[in-house]
């Protein structure tokens, strides 16, 4: 699957975690945008509606990952979402795939390829 030329928006309030995730997506050939909050992510999506994938942490101050995902998909129905969290036992929303931190690169790639299949 050719993942290059697709854009991903990586959202995490922890800069180092966001940086690592962004590097993983760059290695897969994505164009990467980064945001440190849900509100910043929505602004970036408004400026970049071609983003194919939203990769967001679940637990962030102000706006959670699931709240961000619902708002983003309401505006951009084509958008695929992958949630990520260290606290997967506390996440009950089953609307999108949930990746447990820490995750392995091959697990990330498998989930992303599955979500973008046919895009």
PDB file of N, CA and C in Angstrom:
ATOM      1  N   UNK A   1       0.836  -1.183   0.000  1.00  0.00           N
ATOM      2  CA  UNK A   1       0.000   0.000   0.000  1.00  0.00           C
ATOM      3  C   UNK A   1       0.876   1.240   0.000  1.00  0.00           C
ATOM      4  N   UNK A   2       0.577   2.167  -0.873  1.00  0.00           N
ATOM      5  CA  UNK A   2       1.325   3.415  -0.949  1.00  0.00           C
ATOM      6  C   UNK A   2       0.756   4.413   0.045  1.00  0.00           C
ATOM      7  N   UNK A   3       1.489   4.691   1.111  1.00  0.00           N
ATOM      8  CA  UNK A   3       1.022   5.630   2.113  1.00  0.00           C
ATOM      9  C   UNK A   3       1.533   7.036   1.847  1.00  0.00           C
ATOM     10  N   UNK A   4       2.558   7.159   1.018  1.00  0.00           N
ATOM     11  CA  UNK A   4       3.120   8.461   0.729  1.00  0.00           C
ATOM     12  C   UNK A   4       2.090   9.399   0.138  1.00  0.00           C
ATOM     13  N   UNK A   5       2.337  10.673   0.300  1.00  0.00           N
ATOM     14  CA  UNK A   5       1.496  11.744  -0.201  1.00  0.00           C
ATOM     15  C   UNK A   5       0.215  11.923   0.597  1.00  0.00           C
ATOM     16  N   UNK A   6      -0.074  11.056   1.536  1.00  0.00           N
ATOM     17  CA  UNK A   6      -1.209  11.259   2.424  1.00  0.00           C
ATOM     18  C   UNK A   6      -0.725  12.078   3.618  1.00  0.00           C
ATOM     19  N   UNK A   7      -1.658  12.840   4.170  1.00  0.00           N
ATOM     20  CA  UNK A   7      -1.325  13.659   5.333  1.00  0.00           C
ATOM     21  C   UNK A   7      -1.942  13.061   6.588  1.00  0.00           C
ATOM     22  N   UNK A   8      -1.207  13.168   7.679  1.00  0.00           N
ATOM     23  CA  UNK A   8      -1.686  12.739   8.985  1.00  0.00           C
ATOM     24  C   UNK A   8      -1.532  13.906   9.949  1.00  0.00           C
ATOM     25  N   UNK A   9      -2.497  14.040  10.835  1.00  0.00           N
ATOM     26  CA  UNK A   9      -2.412  15.020  11.903  1.00  0.00           C
ATOM     27  C   UNK A   9      -2.203  14.267  13.204  1.00  0.00           C
ATOM     28  N   UNK A  10      -1.041  14.472  13.818  1.00  0.00           N
ATOM     29  CA  UNK A  10      -0.671  13.818  15.068  1.00  0.00           C
ATOM     30  C   UNK A  10      -0.954  14.795  16.207  1.00  0.00           C
ATOM     31  N   UNK A  11      -1.785  14.358  17.165  1.00  0.00           N
ATOM     32  CA  UNK A  11      -2.186  15.241  18.258  1.00  0.00           C
ATOM     33  C   UNK A  11      -1.843  14.593  19.600  1.00  0.00           C
ATOM     34  N   UNK A  12      -1.016  15.274  20.372  1.00  0.00           N
ATOM     35  CA  UNK A  12      -0.670  14.823  21.717  1.00  0.00           C
ATOM     36  C   UNK A  12      -0.190  16.038  22.488  1.00  0.00           C
ATOM     37  N   UNK A  13      -0.604  16.157  23.728  1.00  0.00           N
ATOM     38  CA  UNK A  13      -0.189  17.297  24.531  1.00  0.00           C
ATOM     39  C   UNK A  13       1.237  17.166  25.053  1.00  0.00           C
ATOM     40  N   UNK A  14       1.815  15.980  24.951  1.00  0.00           N
ATOM     41  CA  UNK A  14       3.206  15.776  25.348  1.00  0.00           C
ATOM     42  C   UNK A  14       4.092  15.836  24.107  1.00  0.00           C
ATOM     43  N   UNK A  15       4.956  16.864  24.055  1.00  0.00           N
ATOM     44  CA  UNK A  15       5.750  17.132  22.859  1.00  0.00           C
ATOM     45  C   UNK A  15       6.622  15.951  22.439  1.00  0.00           C
ATOM     46  N   UNK A  16       7.282  15.293  23.377  1.00  0.00           N
ATOM     47  CA  UNK A  16       8.186  14.193  23.022  1.00  0.00           C
ATOM     48  C   UNK A  16       7.413  13.013  22.447  1.00  0.00           C
ATOM     49  N   UNK A  17       6.257  12.739  22.989  1.00  0.00           N
ATOM     50  CA  UNK A  17       5.418  11.643  22.473  1.00  0.00           C
ATOM     51  C   UNK A  17       4.944  11.984  21.062  1.00  0.00           C
ATOM     52  N   UNK A  18       4.543  13.229  20.877  1.00  0.00           N
ATOM     53  CA  UNK A  18       4.094  13.693  19.558  1.00  0.00           C
ATOM     54  C   UNK A  18       5.229  13.596  18.539  1.00  0.00           C
ATOM     55  N   UNK A  19       6.433  13.972  18.957  1.00  0.00           N
ATOM     56  CA  UNK A  19       7.600  13.934  18.074  1.00  0.00           C
ATOM     57  C   UNK A  19       7.900  12.506  17.619  1.00  0.00           C
ATOM     58  N   UNK A  20       7.842  11.556  18.537  1.00  0.00           N
ATOM     59  CA  UNK A  20       8.102  10.148  18.199  1.00  0.00           C
ATOM     60  C   UNK A  20       7.051   9.626  17.220  1.00  0.00           C
ATOM     61  N   UNK A  21       5.784   9.930  17.491  1.00  0.00           N
ATOM     62  CA  UNK A  21       4.717   9.488  16.586  1.00  0.00           C
ATOM     63  C   UNK A  21       4.886  10.122  15.210  1.00  0.00           C
ATOM     64  N   UNK A  22       5.209  11.410  15.171  1.00  0.00           N
ATOM     65  CA  UNK A  22       5.408  12.095  13.893  1.00  0.00           C
ATOM     66  C   UNK A  22       6.546  11.441  13.104  1.00  0.00           C
ATOM     67  N   UNK A  23       7.620  11.085  13.783  1.00  0.00           N
ATOM     68  CA  UNK A  23       8.754  10.429  13.116  1.00  0.00           C
ATOM     69  C   UNK A  23       8.332   9.079  12.540  1.00  0.00           C
ATOM     70  N   UNK A  24       7.511   8.336  13.277  1.00  0.00           N
ATOM     71  CA  UNK A  24       7.022   7.048  12.765  1.00  0.00           C
ATOM     72  C   UNK A  24       6.210   7.243  11.478  1.00  0.00           C
ATOM     73  N   UNK A  25       5.352   8.250  11.477  1.00  0.00           N
ATOM     74  CA  UNK A  25       4.540   8.503  10.287  1.00  0.00           C
ATOM     75  C   UNK A  25       5.381   8.999   9.117  1.00  0.00           C
ATOM     76  N   UNK A  26       6.393   9.807   9.399  1.00  0.00           N
ATOM     77  CA  UNK A  26       7.290  10.260   8.332  1.00  0.00           C
ATOM     78  C   UNK A  26       8.011   9.077   7.706  1.00  0.00           C
ATOM     79  N   UNK A  27       8.430   8.108   8.522  1.00  0.00           N
ATOM     80  CA  UNK A  27       9.087   6.907   7.999  1.00  0.00           C
ATOM     81  C   UNK A  27       8.156   6.095   7.109  1.00  0.00           C
ATOM     82  N   UNK A  28       6.846   6.192   7.355  1.00  0.00           N
ATOM     83  CA  UNK A  28       5.863   5.499   6.519  1.00  0.00           C
ATOM     84  C   UNK A  28       5.526   6.290   5.260  1.00  0.00           C
ATOM     85  N   UNK A  29       6.095   7.489   5.112  1.00  0.00           N
ATOM     86  CA  UNK A  29       5.887   8.268   3.904  1.00  0.00           C
ATOM     87  C   UNK A  29       4.783   9.318   3.991  1.00  0.00           C
ATOM     88  N   UNK A  30       4.278   9.562   5.177  1.00  0.00           N
ATOM     89  CA  UNK A  30       3.234  10.567   5.349  1.00  0.00           C
ATOM     90  C   UNK A  30       3.803  11.973   5.398  1.00  0.00           C
ATOM     91  N   UNK A  31       2.981  12.928   4.992  1.00  0.00           N
ATOM     92  CA  UNK A  31       3.224  14.326   5.311  1.00  0.00           C
ATOM     93  C   UNK A  31       2.592  14.522   6.682  1.00  0.00           C
ATOM     94  N   UNK A  32       3.337  15.060   7.630  1.00  0.00           N
ATOM     95  CA  UNK A  32       2.886  15.104   9.017  1.00  0.00           C
ATOM     96  C   UNK A  32       2.634  16.534   9.474  1.00  0.00           C
ATOM     97  N   UNK A  33       1.466  16.714  10.074  1.00  0.00           N
ATOM     98  CA  UNK A  33       1.136  17.936  10.794  1.00  0.00           C
ATOM     99  C   UNK A  33       1.054  17.560  12.263  1.00  0.00           C
ATOM    100  N   UNK A  34       1.389  18.491  13.141  1.00  0.00           N
ATOM    101  CA  UNK A  34       1.377  18.210  14.575  1.00  0.00           C
ATOM    102  C   UNK A  34       0.587  19.270  15.321  1.00  0.00           C
ATOM    103  N   UNK A  35      -0.123  18.825  16.357  1.00  0.00           N
ATOM    104  CA  UNK A  35      -0.853  19.741  17.233  1.00  0.00           C
ATOM    105  C   UNK A  35      -0.698  19.278  18.677  1.00  0.00           C
ATOM    106  N   UNK A  36      -0.678  20.247  19.587  1.00  0.00           N
ATOM    107  CA  UNK A  36      -0.528  19.938  20.996  1.00  0.00           C
ATOM    108  C   UNK A  36      -1.832  19.945  21.770  1.00  0.00           C
ATOM    109  N   UNK A  37      -2.939  20.227  21.070  1.00  0.00           N
ATOM    110  CA  UNK A  37      -4.248  20.245  21.728  1.00  0.00           C
ATOM    111  C   UNK A  37      -5.346  19.991  20.700  1.00  0.00           C
ATOM    112  N   UNK A  38      -6.525  19.669  21.198  1.00  0.00           N
ATOM    113  CA  UNK A  38      -7.653  19.449  20.312  1.00  0.00           C
ATOM    114  C   UNK A  38      -8.040  20.703  19.556  1.00  0.00           C
ATOM    115  N   UNK A  39      -8.017  21.836  20.226  1.00  0.00           N
ATOM    116  CA  UNK A  39      -8.385  23.093  19.575  1.00  0.00           C
ATOM    117  C   UNK A  39      -7.385  23.459  18.474  1.00  0.00           C
ATOM    118  N   UNK A  40      -6.103  23.267  18.735  1.00  0.00           N
ATOM    119  CA  UNK A  40      -5.083  23.512  17.723  1.00  0.00           C
ATOM    120  C   UNK A  40      -5.264  22.550  16.543  1.00  0.00           C
ATOM    121  N   UNK A  41      -5.622  21.313  16.841  1.00  0.00           N
ATOM    122  CA  UNK A  41      -5.845  20.323  15.778  1.00  0.00           C
ATOM    123  C   UNK A  41      -6.995  20.738  14.867  1.00  0.00           C
ATOM    124  N   UNK A  42      -8.098  21.220  15.444  1.00  0.00           N
ATOM    125  CA  UNK A  42      -9.231  21.652  14.626  1.00  0.00           C
ATOM    126  C   UNK A  42      -8.855  22.833  13.736  1.00  0.00           C
ATOM    127  N   UNK A  43      -8.039  23.745  14.255  1.00  0.00           N
ATOM    128  CA  UNK A  43      -7.559  24.864  13.440  1.00  0.00           C
ATOM    129  C   UNK A  43      -6.719  24.355  12.265  1.00  0.00           C
ATOM    130  N   UNK A  44      -5.836  23.402  12.537  1.00  0.00           N
ATOM    131  CA  UNK A  44      -5.000  22.840  11.465  1.00  0.00           C
ATOM    132  C   UNK A  44      -5.849  22.105  10.430  1.00  0.00           C
ATOM    133  N   UNK A  45      -6.875  21.403  10.885  1.00  0.00           N
ATOM    134  CA  UNK A  45      -7.767  20.720   9.940  1.00  0.00           C
ATOM    135  C   UNK A  45      -8.512  21.723   9.068  1.00  0.00           C
ATOM    136  N   UNK A  46      -8.920  22.837   9.643  1.00  0.00           N
ATOM    137  CA  UNK A  46      -9.586  23.869   8.847  1.00  0.00           C
ATOM    138  C   UNK A  46      -8.668  24.414   7.757  1.00  0.00           C
ATOM    139  N   UNK A  47      -7.382  24.484   8.057  1.00  0.00           N
ATOM    140  CA  UNK A  47      -6.393  24.983   7.095  1.00  0.00           C
ATOM    141  C   UNK A  47      -5.930  23.896   6.132  1.00  0.00           C
ATOM    142  N   UNK A  48      -6.125  22.626   6.508  1.00  0.00           N
ATOM    143  CA  UNK A  48      -5.621  21.487   5.728  1.00  0.00           C
ATOM    144  C   UNK A  48      -6.697  20.406   5.641  1.00  0.00           C
ATOM    145  N   UNK A  49      -7.803  20.672   4.946  1.00  0.00           N
ATOM    146  CA  UNK A  49      -8.911  19.714   4.915  1.00  0.00           C
ATOM    147  C   UNK A  49      -8.589  18.408   4.184  1.00  0.00           C
ATOM    148  N   UNK A  50      -7.443  18.356   3.532  1.00  0.00           N
ATOM    149  CA  UNK A  50      -7.053  17.133   2.817  1.00  0.00           C
ATOM    150  C   UNK A  50      -6.443  16.080   3.736  1.00  0.00           C
ATOM    151  N   UNK A  51      -6.267  16.384   5.004  1.00  0.00           N
ATOM    152  CA  UNK A  51      -5.694  15.417   5.947  1.00  0.00           C
ATOM    153  C   UNK A  51      -6.515  14.127   5.892  1.00  0.00           C
ATOM    154  N   UNK A  52      -5.824  13.002   5.747  1.00  0.00           N
ATOM    155  CA  UNK A  52      -6.495  11.703   5.598  1.00  0.00           C
ATOM    156  C   UNK A  52      -6.701  10.998   6.932  1.00  0.00           C
ATOM    157  N   UNK A  53      -5.805  11.256   7.899  1.00  0.00           N
ATOM    158  CA  UNK A  53      -5.825  10.501   9.147  1.00  0.00           C
ATOM    159  C   UNK A  53      -5.576  11.410  10.337  1.00  0.00           C
ATOM    160  N   UNK A  54      -6.395  11.244  11.360  1.00  0.00           N
ATOM    161  CA  UNK A  54      -6.210  11.909  12.642  1.00  0.00           C
ATOM    162  C   UNK A  54      -5.717  10.867  13.631  1.00  0.00           C
ATOM    163  N   UNK A  55      -4.526  11.084  14.177  1.00  0.00           N
ATOM    164  CA  UNK A  55      -3.916  10.177  15.151  1.00  0.00           C
ATOM    165  C   UNK A  55      -3.817  10.960  16.442  1.00  0.00           C
ATOM    166  N   UNK A  56      -4.684  10.652  17.405  1.00  0.00           N
ATOM    167  CA  UNK A  56      -4.769  11.494  18.585  1.00  0.00           C
ATOM    168  C   UNK A  56      -4.746  10.729  19.898  1.00  0.00           C
ATOM    169  N   UNK A  57      -4.046  11.316  20.848  1.00  0.00           N
ATOM    170  CA  UNK A  57      -4.053  10.818  22.213  1.00  0.00           C
ATOM    171  C   UNK A  57      -5.457  11.001  22.774  1.00  0.00           C
ATOM    172  N   UNK A  58      -5.863  10.129  23.662  1.00  0.00           N
ATOM    173  CA  UNK A  58      -7.202  10.211  24.253  1.00  0.00           C
ATOM    174  C   UNK A  58      -7.278  11.206  25.394  1.00  0.00           C
ATOM    175  N   UNK A  59      -6.270  11.207  26.246  1.00  0.00           N
ATOM    176  CA  UNK A  59      -6.328  12.031  27.462  1.00  0.00           C
ATOM    177  C   UNK A  59      -5.492  13.291  27.279  1.00  0.00           C
ATOM    178  N   UNK A  60      -6.197  14.393  27.015  1.00  0.00           N
ATOM    179  CA  UNK A  60      -5.538  15.687  26.874  1.00  0.00           C
ATOM    180  C   UNK A  60      -6.383  16.724  27.600  1.00  0.00           C
ATOM    181  N   UNK A  61      -5.746  17.751  28.135  1.00  0.00           N
ATOM    182  CA  UNK A  61      -6.520  18.797  28.801  1.00  0.00           C
ATOM    183  C   UNK A  61      -7.352  19.593  27.788  1.00  0.00           C
ATOM    184  N   UNK A  62      -8.506  20.041  28.215  1.00  0.00           N
ATOM    185  CA  UNK A  62      -9.346  20.891  27.378  1.00  0.00           C
ATOM    186  C   UNK A  62     -10.304  20.118  26.494  1.00  0.00           C
ATOM    187  N   UNK A  63      -9.780  19.277  25.643  1.00  0.00           N
ATOM    188  CA  UNK A  63     -10.579  18.477  24.717  1.00  0.00           C
ATOM    189  C   UNK A  63      -9.929  17.111  24.599  1.00  0.00           C
ATOM    190  N   UNK A  64     -10.685  16.077  24.914  1.00  0.00           N
ATOM    191  CA  UNK A  64     -10.123  14.722  24.829  1.00  0.00           C
ATOM    192  C   UNK A  64      -9.991  14.293  23.369  1.00  0.00           C
ATOM    193  N   UNK A  65      -9.240  13.234  23.155  1.00  0.00           N
ATOM    194  CA  UNK A  65      -9.099  12.680  21.808  1.00  0.00           C
ATOM    195  C   UNK A  65     -10.424  12.267  21.190  1.00  0.00           C
ATOM    196  N   UNK A  66     -11.277  11.531  21.925  1.00  0.00           N
ATOM    197  CA  UNK A  66     -12.580  11.187  21.360  1.00  0.00           C
ATOM    198  C   UNK A  66     -13.438  12.420  21.054  1.00  0.00           C
ATOM    199  N   UNK A  67     -13.404  13.437  21.918  1.00  0.00           N
ATOM    200  CA  UNK A  67     -14.151  14.672  21.640  1.00  0.00           C
ATOM    201  C   UNK A  67     -13.627  15.327  20.361  1.00  0.00           C
ATOM    202  N   UNK A  68     -12.320  15.371  20.218  1.00  0.00           N
ATOM    203  CA  UNK A  68     -11.699  15.910  19.005  1.00  0.00           C
ATOM    204  C   UNK A  68     -12.131  15.109  17.790  1.00  0.00           C
ATOM    205  N   UNK A  69     -12.088  13.797  17.908  1.00  0.00           N
ATOM    206  CA  UNK A  69     -12.440  12.937  16.775  1.00  0.00           C
ATOM    207  C   UNK A  69     -13.878  13.184  16.316  1.00  0.00           C
ATOM    208  N   UNK A  70     -14.815  13.249  17.255  1.00  0.00           N
ATOM    209  CA  UNK A  70     -16.208  13.508  16.891  1.00  0.00           C
ATOM    210  C   UNK A  70     -16.358  14.858  16.187  1.00  0.00           C
ATOM    211  N   UNK A  71     -15.712  15.897  16.712  1.00  0.00           N
ATOM    212  CA  UNK A  71     -15.796  17.227  16.108  1.00  0.00           C
ATOM    213  C   UNK A  71     -15.163  17.240  14.718  1.00  0.00           C
ATOM    214  N   UNK A  72     -14.027  16.576  14.583  1.00  0.00           N
ATOM    215  CA  UNK A  72     -13.311  16.563  13.302  1.00  0.00           C
ATOM    216  C   UNK A  72     -14.079  15.784  12.235  1.00  0.00           C
ATOM    217  N   UNK A  73     -14.587  14.628  12.594  1.00  0.00           N
ATOM    218  CA  UNK A  73     -15.324  13.800  11.625  1.00  0.00           C
ATOM    219  C   UNK A  73     -16.646  14.458  11.241  1.00  0.00           C
ATOM    220  N   UNK A  74     -17.259  15.210  12.159  1.00  0.00           N
ATOM    221  CA  UNK A  74     -18.483  15.937  11.828  1.00  0.00           C
ATOM    222  C   UNK A  74     -18.209  16.964  10.730  1.00  0.00           C
ATOM    223  N   UNK A  75     -17.043  17.574  10.759  1.00  0.00           N
ATOM    224  CA  UNK A  75     -16.659  18.567   9.745  1.00  0.00           C
ATOM    225  C   UNK A  75     -16.086  17.928   8.491  1.00  0.00           C
ATOM    226  N   UNK A  76     -15.359  16.831   8.677  1.00  0.00           N
ATOM    227  CA  UNK A  76     -14.643  16.174   7.580  1.00  0.00           C
ATOM    228  C   UNK A  76     -14.955  14.685   7.596  1.00  0.00           C
ATOM    229  N   UNK A  77     -16.086  14.274   7.041  1.00  0.00           N
ATOM    230  CA  UNK A  77     -16.525  12.867   7.127  1.00  0.00           C
ATOM    231  C   UNK A  77     -15.552  11.864   6.517  1.00  0.00           C
ATOM    232  N   UNK A  78     -14.684  12.299   5.603  1.00  0.00           N
ATOM    233  CA  UNK A  78     -13.704  11.403   4.980  1.00  0.00           C
ATOM    234  C   UNK A  78     -12.572  11.034   5.930  1.00  0.00           C
ATOM    235  N   UNK A  79     -12.419  11.796   7.008  1.00  0.00           N
ATOM    236  CA  UNK A  79     -11.277  11.651   7.907  1.00  0.00           C
ATOM    237  C   UNK A  79     -11.311  10.316   8.648  1.00  0.00           C
ATOM    238  N   UNK A  80     -10.210   9.602   8.606  1.00  0.00           N
ATOM    239  CA  UNK A  80     -10.037   8.375   9.386  1.00  0.00           C
ATOM    240  C   UNK A  80      -9.387   8.743  10.711  1.00  0.00           C
ATOM    241  N   UNK A  81      -9.688   7.967  11.754  1.00  0.00           N
ATOM    242  CA  UNK A  81      -9.213   8.282  13.101  1.00  0.00           C
ATOM    243  C   UNK A  81      -8.599   7.044  13.735  1.00  0.00           C
ATOM    244  N   UNK A  82      -7.478   7.249  14.407  1.00  0.00           N
ATOM    245  CA  UNK A  82      -6.889   6.237  15.282  1.00  0.00           C
ATOM    246  C   UNK A  82      -6.628   6.927  16.615  1.00  0.00           C
ATOM    247  N   UNK A  83      -7.182   6.358  17.676  1.00  0.00           N
ATOM    248  CA  UNK A  83      -6.964   6.860  19.032  1.00  0.00           C
ATOM    249  C   UNK A  83      -5.801   6.108  19.665  1.00  0.00           C
ATOM    250  N   UNK A  84      -5.090   6.787  20.549  1.00  0.00           N
ATOM    251  CA  UNK A  84      -3.973   6.159  21.242  1.00  0.00           C
ATOM    252  C   UNK A  84      -4.013   6.583  22.707  1.00  0.00           C
ATOM    253  N   UNK A  85      -3.725   5.626  23.603  1.00  0.00           N
ATOM    254  CA  UNK A  85      -3.786   5.946  25.025  1.00  0.00           C
ATOM    255  C   UNK A  85      -2.979   4.950  25.847  1.00  0.00           C
ATOM    256  N   UNK A  86      -2.485   5.445  26.964  1.00  0.00           N
ATOM    257  CA  UNK A  86      -1.849   4.567  27.943  1.00  0.00           C
ATOM    258  C   UNK A  86      -2.886   3.926  28.850  1.00  0.00           C
ATOM    259  N   UNK A  87      -4.087   4.449  28.805  1.00  0.00           N
ATOM    260  CA  UNK A  87      -5.155   4.030  29.714  1.00  0.00           C
ATOM    261  C   UNK A  87      -6.301   3.390  28.951  1.00  0.00           C
ATOM    262  N   UNK A  88      -6.020   2.371  28.164  1.00  0.00           N
ATOM    263  CA  UNK A  88      -7.049   1.788  27.300  1.00  0.00           C
ATOM    264  C   UNK A  88      -8.201   1.173  28.081  1.00  0.00           C
ATOM    265  N   UNK A  89      -7.969   0.766  29.310  1.00  0.00           N
ATOM    266  CA  UNK A  89      -9.053   0.176  30.100  1.00  0.00           C
ATOM    267  C   UNK A  89     -10.124   1.204  30.450  1.00  0.00           C
ATOM    268  N   UNK A  90      -9.766   2.478  30.437  1.00  0.00           N
ATOM    269  CA  UNK A  90     -10.709   3.537  30.795  1.00  0.00           C
ATOM    270  C   UNK A  90     -11.431   4.124  29.585  1.00  0.00           C
ATOM    271  N   UNK A  91     -11.097   3.688  28.380  1.00  0.00           N
ATOM    272  CA  UNK A  91     -11.709   4.215  27.166  1.00  0.00           C
ATOM    273  C   UNK A  91     -12.837   3.280  26.756  1.00  0.00           C
ATOM    274  N   UNK A  92     -14.041   3.787  26.716  1.00  0.00           N
ATOM    275  CA  UNK A  92     -15.184   2.939  26.380  1.00  0.00           C
ATOM    276  C   UNK A  92     -15.695   3.175  24.971  1.00  0.00           C
ATOM    277  N   UNK A  93     -15.282   4.251  24.330  1.00  0.00           N
ATOM    278  CA  UNK A  93     -15.752   4.561  22.992  1.00  0.00           C
ATOM    279  C   UNK A  93     -15.158   3.569  21.993  1.00  0.00           C
ATOM    280  N   UNK A  94     -16.013   2.911  21.246  1.00  0.00           N
ATOM    281  CA  UNK A  94     -15.536   1.938  20.265  1.00  0.00           C
ATOM    282  C   UNK A  94     -15.691   2.409  18.838  1.00  0.00           C
ATOM    283  N   UNK A  95     -15.821   3.722  18.641  1.00  0.00           N
ATOM    284  CA  UNK A  95     -16.050   4.263  17.298  1.00  0.00           C
ATOM    285  C   UNK A  95     -14.837   4.149  16.389  1.00  0.00           C
ATOM    286  N   UNK A  96     -13.631   4.147  16.975  1.00  0.00           N
ATOM    287  CA  UNK A  96     -12.406   4.118  16.188  1.00  0.00           C
ATOM    288  C   UNK A  96     -11.416   3.144  16.813  1.00  0.00           C
ATOM    289  N   UNK A  97     -10.438   2.712  16.026  1.00  0.00           N
ATOM    290  CA  UNK A  97      -9.404   1.829  16.581  1.00  0.00           C
ATOM    291  C   UNK A  97      -8.654   2.530  17.709  1.00  0.00           C
ATOM    292  N   UNK A  98      -8.293   1.745  18.705  1.00  0.00           N
ATOM    293  CA  UNK A  98      -7.566   2.260  19.859  1.00  0.00           C
ATOM    294  C   UNK A  98      -6.252   1.519  19.985  1.00  0.00           C
ATOM    295  N   UNK A  99      -5.170   2.264  19.938  1.00  0.00           N
ATOM    296  CA  UNK A  99      -3.824   1.715  20.034  1.00  0.00           C
ATOM    297  C   UNK A  99      -3.301   2.000  21.444  1.00  0.00           C
ATOM    298  N   UNK A 100      -2.781   0.979  22.083  1.00  0.00           N
ATOM    299  CA  UNK A 100      -2.285   1.102  23.450  1.00  0.00           C
ATOM    300  C   UNK A 100      -0.825   1.561  23.462  1.00  0.00           C
ATOM    301  N   UNK A 101      -0.534   2.591  24.266  1.00  0.00           N
ATOM    302  CA  UNK A 101       0.856   3.036  24.468  1.00  0.00           C
ATOM    303  C   UNK A 101       1.485   2.153  25.531  1.00  0.00           C
ATOM    304  N   UNK A 102       2.731   1.804  25.403  1.00  0.00           N
ATOM    305  CA  UNK A 102       3.574   2.022  24.230  1.00  0.00           C
ATOM    306  C   UNK A 102       3.230   1.007  23.149  1.00  0.00           C
ATOM    307  N   UNK A 103       3.318   1.433  21.922  1.00  0.00           N
ATOM    308  CA  UNK A 103       2.997   0.552  20.804  1.00  0.00           C
ATOM    309  C   UNK A 103       4.259   0.300  19.984  1.00  0.00           C
ATOM    310  N   UNK A 104       4.205  -0.759  19.201  1.00  0.00           N
ATOM    311  CA  UNK A 104       5.323  -1.102  18.314  1.00  0.00           C
ATOM    312  C   UNK A 104       5.051  -0.510  16.935  1.00  0.00           C
ATOM    313  N   UNK A 105       6.120  -0.181  16.226  1.00  0.00           N
ATOM    314  CA  UNK A 105       5.998   0.415  14.901  1.00  0.00           C
ATOM    315  C   UNK A 105       5.165  -0.448  13.961  1.00  0.00           C
ATOM    316  N   UNK A 106       5.368  -1.772  14.015  1.00  0.00           N
ATOM    317  CA  UNK A 106       4.628  -2.654  13.106  1.00  0.00           C
ATOM    318  C   UNK A 106       3.134  -2.671  13.439  1.00  0.00           C
ATOM    319  N   UNK A 107       2.793  -2.529  14.711  1.00  0.00           N
ATOM    320  CA  UNK A 107       1.389  -2.471  15.122  1.00  0.00           C
ATOM    321  C   UNK A 107       0.751  -1.176  14.610  1.00  0.00           C
ATOM    322  N   UNK A 108       1.468  -0.074  14.727  1.00  0.00           N
ATOM    323  CA  UNK A 108       0.984   1.200  14.204  1.00  0.00           C
ATOM    324  C   UNK A 108       0.752   1.109  12.704  1.00  0.00           C
ATOM    325  N   UNK A 109       1.717   0.582  11.992  1.00  0.00           N
ATOM    326  CA  UNK A 109       1.607   0.491  10.537  1.00  0.00           C
ATOM    327  C   UNK A 109       0.430  -0.392  10.132  1.00  0.00           C
ATOM    328  N   UNK A 110       0.227  -1.496  10.823  1.00  0.00           N
ATOM    329  CA  UNK A 110      -0.886  -2.404  10.504  1.00  0.00           C
ATOM    330  C   UNK A 110      -2.235  -1.708  10.674  1.00  0.00           C
ATOM    331  N   UNK A 111      -2.406  -1.001  11.779  1.00  0.00           N
ATOM    332  CA  UNK A 111      -3.676  -0.315  12.033  1.00  0.00           C
ATOM    333  C   UNK A 111      -3.894   0.802  11.021  1.00  0.00           C
ATOM    334  N   UNK A 112      -2.867   1.565  10.733  1.00  0.00           N
ATOM    335  CA  UNK A 112      -2.984   2.670   9.784  1.00  0.00           C
ATOM    336  C   UNK A 112      -3.308   2.145   8.386  1.00  0.00           C
ATOM    337  N   UNK A 113      -2.628   1.111   7.950  1.00  0.00           N
ATOM    338  CA  UNK A 113      -2.923   0.533   6.641  1.00  0.00           C
ATOM    339  C   UNK A 113      -4.358   0.030   6.568  1.00  0.00           C
ATOM    340  N   UNK A 114      -4.819  -0.602   7.637  1.00  0.00           N
ATOM    341  CA  UNK A 114      -6.194  -1.101   7.677  1.00  0.00           C
ATOM    342  C   UNK A 114      -7.180   0.060   7.570  1.00  0.00           C
ATOM    343  N   UNK A 115      -6.946   1.127   8.298  1.00  0.00           N
ATOM    344  CA  UNK A 115      -7.856   2.275   8.288  1.00  0.00           C
ATOM    345  C   UNK A 115      -7.873   2.994   6.940  1.00  0.00           C
ATOM    346  N   UNK A 116      -6.743   3.051   6.277  1.00  0.00           N
ATOM    347  CA  UNK A 116      -6.649   3.791   5.014  1.00  0.00           C
ATOM    348  C   UNK A 116      -6.849   2.898   3.794  1.00  0.00           C
ATOM    349  N   UNK A 117      -7.144   1.642   4.005  1.00  0.00           N
ATOM    350  CA  UNK A 117      -7.382   0.714   2.902  1.00  0.00           C
ATOM    351  C   UNK A 117      -8.475   1.280   1.997  1.00  0.00           C
ATOM    352  N   UNK A 118      -8.179   1.374   0.728  1.00  0.00           N
ATOM    353  CA  UNK A 118      -9.158   1.856  -0.229  1.00  0.00           C
ATOM    354  C   UNK A 118      -9.226   3.366  -0.365  1.00  0.00           C
ATOM    355  N   UNK A 119      -8.429   4.077   0.409  1.00  0.00           N
ATOM    356  CA  UNK A 119      -8.442   5.551   0.312  1.00  0.00           C
ATOM    357  C   UNK A 119      -7.526   6.023  -0.800  1.00  0.00           C
TER     358      UNK A 119
END
